[in-house]
Protein backbone atom coordinates (compact mmCIF):
# COMPACT_ATOMS: atom_id res chain seq x y z
CA MET A 1 -10.38 -39.84 85.77
CA ARG A 2 -7.69 -38.85 83.25
CA ILE A 3 -5.06 -38.71 86.01
CA LEU A 4 -6.18 -42.14 87.21
CA LEU A 5 -5.86 -43.59 83.69
CA VAL A 6 -2.35 -42.16 83.28
CA LEU A 7 -1.34 -43.52 86.68
CA THR A 8 -2.77 -46.95 85.81
CA CYS A 9 -0.82 -47.02 82.54
CA CYS A 10 2.40 -46.09 84.33
CA LEU A 11 1.87 -48.85 86.89
CA THR A 12 1.24 -51.36 84.09
CA ILE A 13 4.45 -50.37 82.33
CA VAL A 14 6.49 -50.61 85.55
CA SER A 15 4.93 -53.97 86.37
CA ALA A 16 5.71 -55.36 82.91
CA SER A 17 9.31 -54.15 82.95
CA ALA A 18 9.87 -55.57 86.44
CA GLN A 19 8.40 -58.96 85.59
CA SER A 20 10.83 -61.69 86.63
CA VAL A 21 12.50 -64.08 84.18
CA GLN A 22 11.82 -67.70 85.14
CA PHE A 23 12.51 -71.08 83.56
CA THR A 24 11.06 -74.57 83.68
CA PHE A 25 12.49 -77.97 82.80
CA ASP A 26 10.14 -79.82 80.47
CA GLY A 27 11.97 -83.15 80.49
CA ASP A 28 14.39 -82.53 77.63
CA SER A 29 17.90 -83.66 78.58
CA THR A 30 20.47 -86.15 77.31
CA THR A 31 24.11 -87.18 77.46
CA ILE A 32 26.06 -86.79 74.22
CA PRO A 33 27.48 -90.24 73.47
CA HIS A 34 31.20 -90.66 72.90
CA THR A 35 30.73 -91.59 69.26
CA ILE A 36 32.96 -88.58 68.58
CA ASP A 37 36.06 -89.26 70.69
CA SER A 38 37.38 -85.69 70.59
CA LEU A 39 34.08 -84.17 71.77
CA ARG A 40 35.24 -83.78 75.38
CA GLY A 41 35.84 -80.98 77.86
CA ILE A 42 33.06 -78.76 76.47
CA SER A 43 33.32 -75.34 78.11
CA GLY A 44 31.62 -72.98 75.65
CA LEU A 45 28.54 -72.96 73.42
CA ASP A 46 27.09 -70.51 70.94
CA ILE A 47 24.09 -71.11 68.68
CA ASN A 48 23.30 -69.09 65.57
CA PRO A 49 19.54 -69.45 64.99
CA ALA A 50 19.85 -67.78 61.56
CA THR A 51 22.24 -70.42 60.16
CA GLY A 52 21.39 -73.32 62.49
CA GLU A 53 25.05 -73.70 63.46
CA TRP A 54 25.99 -74.84 66.96
CA HIS A 55 29.54 -73.93 68.00
CA LEU A 56 31.01 -75.99 70.84
CA VAL A 57 34.52 -75.37 72.19
CA SER A 58 36.71 -77.38 74.52
CA ASP A 59 39.01 -76.24 77.29
CA ARG A 60 41.74 -78.25 75.59
CA GLY A 61 41.58 -76.45 72.29
CA ARG A 62 39.08 -78.02 69.91
CA HIS A 63 36.37 -76.10 68.05
CA PHE A 64 33.32 -78.02 66.83
CA VAL A 65 30.50 -76.91 64.52
CA PHE A 66 27.25 -78.87 64.22
CA THR A 67 24.62 -78.11 61.58
CA ASN A 68 20.97 -79.04 61.10
CA ILE A 69 20.37 -79.61 64.82
CA ARG A 70 16.63 -80.18 65.33
CA ASN A 71 16.90 -81.46 68.91
CA ILE A 72 19.71 -82.09 71.38
CA ARG A 73 19.96 -85.81 70.52
CA ASP A 74 21.23 -84.76 67.09
CA LEU A 75 24.50 -83.81 68.80
CA GLY A 76 25.25 -87.53 68.96
CA ASP A 77 24.98 -87.86 65.17
CA GLN A 78 28.47 -87.62 63.71
CA SER A 79 27.10 -86.73 60.26
CA ARG A 80 25.97 -83.37 61.63
CA LEU A 81 29.48 -82.48 62.83
CA THR A 82 30.83 -80.33 59.98
CA VAL A 83 33.89 -78.88 61.74
CA SER A 84 36.24 -80.46 64.28
CA GLU A 85 39.47 -78.53 64.41
CA PRO A 86 42.32 -78.03 66.88
CA THR A 87 43.20 -74.49 67.98
CA PRO A 88 45.87 -73.03 70.27
CA TYR A 89 43.24 -71.91 72.80
CA TRP A 90 41.95 -73.50 75.98
CA PHE A 91 38.46 -72.09 75.64
CA GLU A 92 36.12 -71.06 78.44
CA SER A 93 33.47 -69.28 76.35
CA ILE A 94 32.68 -68.30 72.75
CA ARG A 95 30.24 -65.80 71.20
CA TYR A 96 29.52 -64.67 67.65
CA ASP A 97 28.38 -61.18 66.62
CA SER A 98 26.56 -61.45 63.27
CA ARG A 99 26.54 -57.67 62.77
CA SER A 100 30.32 -57.43 62.58
CA ASN A 101 31.02 -61.08 61.65
CA THR A 102 33.23 -61.28 64.73
CA TYR A 103 33.92 -64.11 67.17
CA PHE A 104 34.77 -63.38 70.79
CA TRP A 105 36.30 -66.05 73.01
CA THR A 106 38.10 -66.50 76.33
CA ASP A 107 41.25 -68.54 76.83
CA GLU A 108 42.62 -69.89 80.11
CA HIS A 109 45.99 -71.57 79.86
CA GLU A 110 48.13 -72.42 82.87
CA PHE A 111 48.62 -69.08 84.68
CA VAL A 112 47.16 -66.61 82.17
CA THR A 113 43.58 -65.81 81.10
CA SER A 114 42.66 -63.80 77.99
CA LEU A 115 39.76 -62.35 76.01
CA LEU A 116 40.21 -62.25 72.23
CA TYR A 117 38.24 -61.52 69.06
CA GLY A 118 38.61 -62.05 65.33
CA GLN A 119 36.83 -63.09 62.13
CA SER A 120 37.38 -66.71 63.19
CA VAL A 121 39.19 -68.53 65.98
CA HIS A 122 42.02 -69.07 63.47
CA ASP A 123 42.23 -65.40 62.46
CA SER A 124 45.91 -64.46 62.35
CA THR A 125 44.93 -60.82 62.87
CA ARG A 126 42.89 -61.60 66.00
CA GLN A 127 43.00 -58.94 68.71
CA ILE A 128 43.53 -59.35 72.46
CA LEU A 129 41.03 -57.30 74.44
CA LEU A 130 42.17 -58.48 77.88
CA LYS A 131 45.11 -60.53 79.15
CA LEU A 132 46.03 -60.98 82.80
CA PRO A 133 47.42 -63.48 85.32
CA LEU A 134 44.86 -65.82 86.86
CA PRO A 135 43.34 -64.07 89.90
CA SER A 136 43.16 -67.47 91.65
CA SER A 137 43.97 -71.07 90.75
CA ASN A 138 41.83 -72.21 87.79
CA LYS A 139 39.64 -69.09 88.14
CA GLY A 140 39.94 -66.91 85.05
CA LEU A 141 37.69 -65.14 82.53
CA GLU A 142 34.76 -67.51 82.36
CA GLY A 143 31.63 -65.91 80.89
CA ILE A 144 31.02 -63.52 78.00
CA THR A 145 27.87 -62.43 76.21
CA LEU A 146 26.70 -59.91 73.62
CA THR A 147 23.58 -57.77 73.89
CA SER A 148 21.31 -56.80 71.00
CA THR A 149 23.13 -53.45 70.74
CA GLY A 150 26.54 -55.13 70.44
CA ALA A 151 27.77 -54.49 73.96
CA LEU A 152 30.09 -57.18 75.34
CA TRP A 153 29.77 -58.31 78.97
CA VAL A 154 32.63 -60.14 80.68
CA ALA A 155 32.43 -62.09 83.95
CA PRO A 156 35.35 -63.65 85.85
CA GLU A 157 34.71 -67.05 87.39
CA ALA A 158 35.30 -65.97 90.99
CA GLY A 159 36.42 -62.32 90.79
CA TRP A 160 39.38 -60.27 89.68
CA GLU A 161 42.63 -60.02 91.63
CA GLY A 162 41.78 -59.25 95.26
CA GLN A 163 38.13 -60.32 94.83
CA THR A 164 38.49 -64.12 95.07
CA ARG A 165 38.46 -64.38 98.87
CA ILE A 166 35.76 -66.48 100.52
CA ASN A 167 34.56 -63.46 102.54
CA GLN A 168 34.34 -61.22 99.47
CA ASP A 169 30.66 -61.29 98.50
CA THR A 170 30.84 -58.85 95.58
CA ILE A 171 32.81 -59.12 92.34
CA THR A 172 32.98 -56.99 89.18
CA PHE A 173 31.55 -57.53 85.71
CA PHE A 174 32.93 -55.54 82.75
CA ARG A 175 30.85 -54.08 79.91
CA TYR A 176 32.37 -52.86 76.62
CA ALA A 177 29.87 -50.77 74.66
CA THR A 178 31.99 -51.01 71.48
CA PRO A 179 34.43 -53.88 72.06
CA THR A 180 36.07 -53.81 68.60
CA SER A 181 36.80 -50.07 68.54
CA PRO A 182 40.49 -49.04 68.55
CA ASP A 183 40.36 -47.86 72.17
CA PRO A 184 37.28 -49.46 73.78
CA SER A 185 36.10 -48.01 77.06
CA VAL A 186 34.97 -50.32 79.85
CA GLU A 187 32.29 -49.90 82.50
CA ARG A 188 32.33 -51.79 85.79
CA PHE A 189 29.29 -53.29 87.52
CA SER A 190 29.12 -54.91 90.96
CA TYR A 191 27.64 -58.41 91.17
CA PRO A 192 26.75 -60.32 94.38
CA ILE A 193 28.34 -63.76 94.01
CA ASN A 194 27.43 -66.85 96.05
CA ARG A 195 30.43 -68.44 97.76
CA CYS A 196 30.58 -72.17 98.60
CA ALA A 197 31.60 -72.51 102.24
CA PHE A 198 30.68 -76.22 102.17
CA ALA A 199 33.21 -76.98 99.40
CA GLN A 200 36.92 -77.72 99.76
CA GLY A 201 40.07 -75.88 98.72
CA ASP A 202 39.85 -73.54 95.75
CA GLU A 203 36.23 -74.56 95.16
CA ARG A 204 35.10 -72.67 98.25
CA VAL A 205 35.16 -69.34 96.39
CA GLY A 206 32.47 -70.68 94.05
CA GLY A 207 32.24 -69.97 90.40
CA ILE A 208 30.33 -68.34 87.56
CA SER A 209 30.51 -70.70 84.61
CA GLU A 210 28.65 -68.66 81.97
CA ILE A 211 26.54 -65.57 81.32
CA VAL A 212 23.93 -64.90 78.61
CA ALA A 213 22.13 -61.65 77.77
CA VAL A 214 18.33 -61.67 77.99
CA ASP A 215 18.07 -58.08 76.76
CA ASP A 216 19.89 -54.80 77.40
CA GLN A 217 18.66 -54.69 81.01
CA HIS A 218 19.03 -58.34 82.10
CA LEU A 219 21.69 -61.05 82.12
CA LEU A 220 21.44 -64.73 82.96
CA VAL A 221 24.23 -65.83 85.29
CA LEU A 222 25.01 -69.52 85.84
CA GLU A 223 26.70 -70.20 89.19
CA ARG A 224 27.80 -73.61 90.38
CA CYS A 225 29.82 -75.26 93.16
CA TYR A 226 31.38 -78.69 93.59
CA ASP A 227 31.45 -80.56 96.89
CA SER A 228 34.23 -83.17 96.59
CA VAL A 229 33.20 -84.89 99.82
CA GLN A 230 29.62 -85.54 98.73
CA LYS A 231 30.70 -85.63 95.06
CA ARG A 232 27.86 -83.33 94.19
CA VAL A 233 27.39 -80.24 92.02
CA THR A 234 25.05 -77.47 93.10
CA ALA A 235 23.96 -75.07 90.37
CA ASN A 236 21.64 -72.09 90.13
CA LEU A 237 20.63 -69.86 87.24
CA TYR A 238 20.05 -66.22 88.19
CA VAL A 239 18.66 -63.28 86.29
CA ALA A 240 20.69 -60.16 87.01
CA THR A 241 19.05 -56.76 86.53
CA ILE A 242 21.29 -53.89 85.46
CA ASN A 243 21.06 -50.55 87.25
CA GLU A 244 22.61 -47.96 84.94
CA GLN A 245 22.71 -45.27 87.63
CA THR A 246 24.41 -47.21 90.45
CA HIS A 247 26.27 -49.75 88.26
CA ILE A 248 25.00 -52.50 90.56
CA LEU A 249 23.59 -55.82 89.37
CA THR A 250 20.82 -57.27 91.51
CA LYS A 251 19.86 -60.90 91.07
CA GLU A 252 17.00 -63.28 91.66
CA LEU A 253 16.73 -67.03 91.16
CA ALA A 254 15.47 -68.07 87.73
CA PHE A 255 16.07 -71.85 88.00
CA ASP A 256 17.36 -74.15 90.76
CA PHE A 257 19.00 -77.16 89.08
CA ASN A 258 19.12 -79.19 92.30
CA ARG A 259 15.44 -78.70 93.08
CA GLN A 260 13.80 -78.34 89.65
CA PHE A 261 15.92 -80.76 87.59
CA PRO A 262 15.49 -84.49 88.29
CA GLY A 263 18.56 -86.62 88.89
CA ASN A 264 22.16 -85.50 89.24
CA VAL A 265 23.24 -82.24 87.71
CA CYS A 266 26.73 -82.31 86.22
CA ASN A 267 29.58 -79.81 85.87
CA LEU A 268 27.61 -77.18 83.94
CA GLU A 269 29.90 -74.94 81.87
CA ALA A 270 28.30 -73.76 78.62
CA MET A 271 25.02 -71.97 77.89
CA ALA A 272 23.28 -70.34 74.91
CA TRP A 273 19.88 -69.40 73.54
CA ALA A 274 18.61 -71.87 70.94
CA ASP A 275 16.23 -69.37 69.33
CA ALA A 276 16.20 -65.70 68.36
CA GLN A 277 13.15 -65.10 70.58
CA HIS A 278 15.11 -66.10 73.72
CA GLN A 279 12.58 -68.71 74.85
CA THR A 280 14.71 -71.89 74.83
CA LEU A 281 18.00 -72.15 76.73
CA VAL A 282 20.55 -74.93 76.23
CA VAL A 283 23.05 -75.78 79.00
CA ILE A 284 25.96 -78.22 78.53
CA ALA A 285 28.26 -79.79 81.13
CA ASP A 286 32.04 -80.27 80.91
CA ASP A 287 33.06 -83.93 81.42
CA ASN A 288 36.69 -83.01 82.26
CA PHE A 289 37.66 -85.93 79.99
CA ARG A 290 36.22 -88.42 82.46
CA TYR A 291 32.89 -90.15 83.07
CA THR A 292 31.46 -90.04 86.59
CA GLN A 293 28.22 -89.11 88.32
CA THR A 294 28.92 -85.39 87.81
CA LEU A 295 31.31 -85.51 84.83
CA ARG A 296 29.68 -86.32 81.49
CA ASN A 297 28.48 -84.56 78.35
CA GLN A 298 25.14 -83.66 79.90
CA VAL A 299 22.80 -81.41 77.89
CA ILE A 300 19.78 -79.73 79.50
CA VAL A 301 17.06 -77.68 77.80
CA LEU A 302 15.14 -75.06 79.79
CA LYS A 303 12.02 -73.23 78.63
CA ARG A 304 11.25 -69.66 79.57
CA ARG A 305 7.92 -69.19 81.29
């Protein structure tokens, strides 16, 4: 009987740790109105639940800070916009580490993509963690996230150099255990990316638009494709499980935007947890400075099951 009880406990622990991460859409979505003319091209989002600050960044250089956001419609209230500043960066992602008071961000400008960090995005002493030529046209360093232990994960949009071919089904994520140390070491993890054979041109290689840590063993990965013939975006949110022994990420579907979200999904680019408990996820689309069926300041809220 004692052996049976021990075995039952072990099975319960394994079952709980292997439980999948799933999301539902509960009807909360909106389009941020253009009451703030510069609020365009949103490509990165980070939310600090402790201070209530929402940081939005544009792929044409602007950094925005909203305060006192109670729901996503408050993003259309100009009185809540406390910072709107130009920067020299064409952002793709931004994250804040409260333990070290450090911002991390990615920059993609013309033919070069970079990963930087500093005490602010205007920090003159900011450090460059990575800088390299674009592996493929408009496909640079796209997603970054921090875990609870301070590790920094980095995901390219479609792979590093040599990995952006349509027949290449595996790309590499980087993990820095101590990203701000003088000589940070990097670990490499394989990730199975979905390519977009139905798309045209450079879009056929697909794209990861953002990543977010669930915990030290799981990442959320947002993948999306654009079909210029049908003028349609397809997007899926995956939960990737980290295998520390093999350095392989396995993934399963956590939310299908085309099946579970009503209406047209737009060019989803930015993603962040809205709460410290990691139960509410906010996703924002990049309007590419235009307004079409798939290009607008769309905001979608997902709830964790």
